[in-house]
Amino acid sequence: MAKLRITAGSVAIEVETRDTPTAAAILEALPIRSTARTWGDEVYFDTPVSLPREPDAKAVVEAGEIAFWTDGDAIAIGFGPTPVSRGDEIRLASPANIWADALDDVTALAAVRDGAAITVEAAD
């Protein structure tokens, strides 16, 4: 598994990839540079990757699970409720492929604003 750094504005988190086709495609596309968008307690951003939904894709995720939203070719990082959540769950807009796990506290992403620069790159 590879370690990556996702930097969004002034916030940086390290993640460790899982052994999935989505993770492999994202690793091939590095470095990724994009612009943050927010949706409730979720930060997401466009990627140059386009992939199908994997069989174990899910809409309700745990804090720290890094998702690839196939409907939008975007990486989505939920850290709290979104506009479609029921209660305190972290619910994405539709099922997404889970391809990595955060090694840092994803709630730090609450400081990220729409339009912030985002970079995904190999961690040192």
C-alpha atoms as a PDB file:
ATOM      1  CA  MET A   1       0.000   0.000   0.000  1.00  0.00           C
ATOM      2  CA  ALA A   2       1.197   3.483  -0.876  1.00  0.00           C
ATOM      3  CA  LYS A   3       1.093   6.566   1.312  1.00  0.00           C
ATOM      4  CA  LEU A   4      -0.204   9.779  -0.222  1.00  0.00           C
ATOM      5  CA  ARG A   5      -0.561  13.347   0.973  1.00  0.00           C
ATOM      6  CA  ILE A   6      -3.722  15.271   0.180  1.00  0.00           C
ATOM      7  CA  THR A   7      -3.240  19.012   0.666  1.00  0.00           C
ATOM      8  CA  ALA A   8      -6.351  21.185   0.581  1.00  0.00           C
ATOM      9  CA  GLY A   9      -5.672  24.839   1.242  1.00  0.00           C
ATOM     10  CA  SER A  10      -3.769  24.928   4.552  1.00  0.00           C
ATOM     11  CA  VAL A  11      -4.816  21.395   5.581  1.00  0.00           C
ATOM     12  CA  ALA A  12      -2.749  18.299   4.776  1.00  0.00           C
ATOM     13  CA  ILE A  13      -3.690  14.710   5.561  1.00  0.00           C
ATOM     14  CA  GLU A  14      -1.837  11.514   4.815  1.00  0.00           C
ATOM     15  CA  VAL A  15      -3.704   8.499   3.506  1.00  0.00           C
ATOM     16  CA  GLU A  16      -2.791   4.898   2.832  1.00  0.00           C
ATOM     17  CA  THR A  17      -4.183   3.263  -0.273  1.00  0.00           C
ATOM     18  CA  ARG A  18      -6.102   0.014  -0.286  1.00  0.00           C
ATOM     19  CA  ASP A  19      -5.503  -2.786  -2.782  1.00  0.00           C
ATOM     20  CA  THR A  20      -8.254  -1.819  -5.242  1.00  0.00           C
ATOM     21  CA  PRO A  21      -8.498  -1.011  -8.964  1.00  0.00           C
ATOM     22  CA  THR A  22      -9.508   2.533  -8.011  1.00  0.00           C
ATOM     23  CA  ALA A  23      -6.385   3.032  -5.887  1.00  0.00           C
ATOM     24  CA  ALA A  24      -4.207   1.750  -8.743  1.00  0.00           C
ATOM     25  CA  ALA A  25      -5.801   4.196 -11.210  1.00  0.00           C
ATOM     26  CA  ILE A  26      -5.378   7.126  -8.831  1.00  0.00           C
ATOM     27  CA  LEU A  27      -1.720   6.214  -8.219  1.00  0.00           C
ATOM     28  CA  GLU A  28      -1.154   6.203 -11.990  1.00  0.00           C
ATOM     29  CA  ALA A  29      -2.675   9.688 -12.298  1.00  0.00           C
ATOM     30  CA  LEU A  30      -0.457  11.334  -9.653  1.00  0.00           C
ATOM     31  CA  PRO A  31       0.138  14.120  -9.030  1.00  0.00           C
ATOM     32  CA  ILE A  32      -3.448  15.358  -9.123  1.00  0.00           C
ATOM     33  CA  ARG A  33      -4.132  19.089  -8.909  1.00  0.00           C
ATOM     34  CA  SER A  34      -7.695  20.282  -8.479  1.00  0.00           C
ATOM     35  CA  THR A  35     -10.032  22.705  -6.739  1.00  0.00           C
ATOM     36  CA  ALA A  36     -11.951  21.938  -3.555  1.00  0.00           C
ATOM     37  CA  ARG A  37     -15.704  21.924  -3.411  1.00  0.00           C
ATOM     38  CA  THR A  38     -17.677  21.420  -0.225  1.00  0.00           C
ATOM     39  CA  TRP A  39     -21.035  19.770   0.415  1.00  0.00           C
ATOM     40  CA  GLY A  40     -22.004  19.761   4.058  1.00  0.00           C
ATOM     41  CA  ASP A  41     -19.162  18.107   5.973  1.00  0.00           C
ATOM     42  CA  GLU A  42     -17.552  16.726   2.803  1.00  0.00           C
ATOM     43  CA  VAL A  43     -14.710  17.986   0.645  1.00  0.00           C
ATOM     44  CA  TYR A  44     -14.621  16.680  -2.907  1.00  0.00           C
ATOM     45  CA  PHE A  45     -12.653  17.507  -6.032  1.00  0.00           C
ATOM     46  CA  ASP A  46     -12.404  16.554  -9.681  1.00  0.00           C
ATOM     47  CA  THR A  47      -9.768  14.113 -10.916  1.00  0.00           C
ATOM     48  CA  PRO A  48      -8.550  13.059 -14.382  1.00  0.00           C
ATOM     49  CA  VAL A  49      -9.620   9.489 -13.485  1.00  0.00           C
ATOM     50  CA  SER A  50     -12.829   7.871 -14.736  1.00  0.00           C
ATOM     51  CA  LEU A  51     -13.777   4.476 -13.333  1.00  0.00           C
ATOM     52  CA  PRO A  52     -16.799   2.218 -12.913  1.00  0.00           C
ATOM     53  CA  ARG A  53     -18.395   1.598  -9.549  1.00  0.00           C
ATOM     54  CA  GLU A  54     -16.789  -1.376  -7.760  1.00  0.00           C
ATOM     55  CA  PRO A  55     -19.022  -4.157  -6.329  1.00  0.00           C
ATOM     56  CA  ASP A  56     -18.427  -3.007  -2.730  1.00  0.00           C
ATOM     57  CA  ALA A  57     -19.097   0.696  -3.392  1.00  0.00           C
ATOM     58  CA  LYS A  58     -21.132   2.357  -0.655  1.00  0.00           C
ATOM     59  CA  ALA A  59     -22.895   5.631   0.054  1.00  0.00           C
ATOM     60  CA  VAL A  60     -22.586   5.652   3.861  1.00  0.00           C
ATOM     61  CA  VAL A  61     -18.936   5.874   4.870  1.00  0.00           C
ATOM     62  CA  GLU A  62     -16.938   6.120   8.075  1.00  0.00           C
ATOM     63  CA  ALA A  63     -14.831   9.187   8.863  1.00  0.00           C
ATOM     64  CA  GLY A  64     -11.386   8.476   7.441  1.00  0.00           C
ATOM     65  CA  GLU A  65     -12.526   6.387   4.476  1.00  0.00           C
ATOM     66  CA  ILE A  66     -11.396   8.084   1.266  1.00  0.00           C
ATOM     67  CA  ALA A  67     -13.905   7.621  -1.545  1.00  0.00           C
ATOM     68  CA  PHE A  68     -13.913   7.940  -5.323  1.00  0.00           C
ATOM     69  CA  TRP A  69     -17.290   9.195  -6.484  1.00  0.00           C
ATOM     70  CA  THR A  70     -17.728   7.483  -9.862  1.00  0.00           C
ATOM     71  CA  ASP A  71     -20.754   9.594 -10.829  1.00  0.00           C
ATOM     72  CA  GLY A  72     -18.557  12.713 -10.813  1.00  0.00           C
ATOM     73  CA  ASP A  73     -15.009  11.373 -11.369  1.00  0.00           C
ATOM     74  CA  ALA A  74     -14.133  12.965  -8.041  1.00  0.00           C
ATOM     75  CA  ILE A  75     -12.410  12.097  -4.786  1.00  0.00           C
ATOM     76  CA  ALA A  76     -14.797  12.640  -1.872  1.00  0.00           C
ATOM     77  CA  ILE A  77     -13.760  12.874   1.776  1.00  0.00           C
ATOM     78  CA  GLY A  78     -16.648  12.930   4.208  1.00  0.00           C
ATOM     79  CA  PHE A  79     -15.975  13.915   7.802  1.00  0.00           C
ATOM     80  CA  GLY A  80     -19.507  14.552   9.069  1.00  0.00           C
ATOM     81  CA  PRO A  81     -23.109  14.850   7.915  1.00  0.00           C
ATOM     82  CA  THR A  82     -23.914  15.946   4.360  1.00  0.00           C
ATOM     83  CA  PRO A  83     -27.225  17.374   3.080  1.00  0.00           C
ATOM     84  CA  VAL A  84     -28.529  13.808   2.437  1.00  0.00           C
ATOM     85  CA  SER A  85     -27.357  12.271   5.724  1.00  0.00           C
ATOM     86  CA  ARG A  86     -29.834  10.723   8.106  1.00  0.00           C
ATOM     87  CA  GLY A  87     -28.808  11.782  11.581  1.00  0.00           C
ATOM     88  CA  ASP A  88     -25.072  11.800  12.219  1.00  0.00           C
ATOM     89  CA  GLU A  89     -24.108   9.411   9.402  1.00  0.00           C
ATOM     90  CA  ILE A  90     -21.705  10.420   6.640  1.00  0.00           C
ATOM     91  CA  ARG A  91     -23.716   9.827   3.465  1.00  0.00           C
ATOM     92  CA  LEU A  92     -22.286  10.593   0.033  1.00  0.00           C
ATOM     93  CA  ALA A  93     -24.529  11.633  -2.878  1.00  0.00           C
ATOM     94  CA  SER A  94     -24.382   8.090  -4.310  1.00  0.00           C
ATOM     95  CA  PRO A  95     -22.300   4.926  -3.779  1.00  0.00           C
ATOM     96  CA  ALA A  96     -18.564   5.452  -4.160  1.00  0.00           C
ATOM     97  CA  ASN A  97     -15.448   3.266  -4.289  1.00  0.00           C
ATOM     98  CA  ILE A  98     -13.438   3.284  -1.058  1.00  0.00           C
ATOM     99  CA  TRP A  99      -9.781   3.325  -2.132  1.00  0.00           C
ATOM    100  CA  ALA A 100      -7.797   4.659   0.855  1.00  0.00           C
ATOM    101  CA  ASP A 101      -7.854   5.293   4.594  1.00  0.00           C
ATOM    102  CA  ALA A 102      -6.788   8.512   6.309  1.00  0.00           C
ATOM    103  CA  LEU A 103      -3.876   8.303   8.712  1.00  0.00           C
ATOM    104  CA  ASP A 104      -4.723  11.763  10.071  1.00  0.00           C
ATOM    105  CA  ASP A 105      -7.903  13.255  11.501  1.00  0.00           C
ATOM    106  CA  VAL A 106     -10.160  14.161   8.561  1.00  0.00           C
ATOM    107  CA  THR A 107     -12.207  16.588  10.662  1.00  0.00           C
ATOM    108  CA  ALA A 108      -9.370  19.067  10.019  1.00  0.00           C
ATOM    109  CA  LEU A 109     -10.919  19.394   6.539  1.00  0.00           C
ATOM    110  CA  ALA A 110     -13.679  21.524   8.090  1.00  0.00           C
ATOM    111  CA  ALA A 111     -11.269  24.448   7.577  1.00  0.00           C
ATOM    112  CA  VAL A 112     -11.207  23.924   3.774  1.00  0.00           C
ATOM    113  CA  ARG A 113     -13.271  26.383   1.737  1.00  0.00           C
ATOM    114  CA  ASP A 114     -14.777  26.118  -1.752  1.00  0.00           C
ATOM    115  CA  GLY A 115     -12.151  27.047  -4.322  1.00  0.00           C
ATOM    116  CA  ALA A 116      -9.104  26.032  -2.274  1.00  0.00           C
ATOM    117  CA  ALA A 117      -6.268  24.453  -4.251  1.00  0.00           C
ATOM    118  CA  ILE A 118      -5.925  20.694  -3.778  1.00  0.00           C
ATOM    119  CA  THR A 119      -2.953  18.463  -4.520  1.00  0.00           C
ATOM    120  CA  VAL A 120      -2.696  14.678  -4.204  1.00  0.00           C
ATOM    121  CA  GLU A 121       0.860  13.372  -4.331  1.00  0.00           C
ATOM    122  CA  ALA A 122       3.107  10.647  -2.991  1.00  0.00           C
ATOM    123  CA  ALA A 123       4.025  11.222   0.662  1.00  0.00           C
ATOM    124  CA  ASP A 124       7.733  11.573   1.479  1.00  0.00           C
END
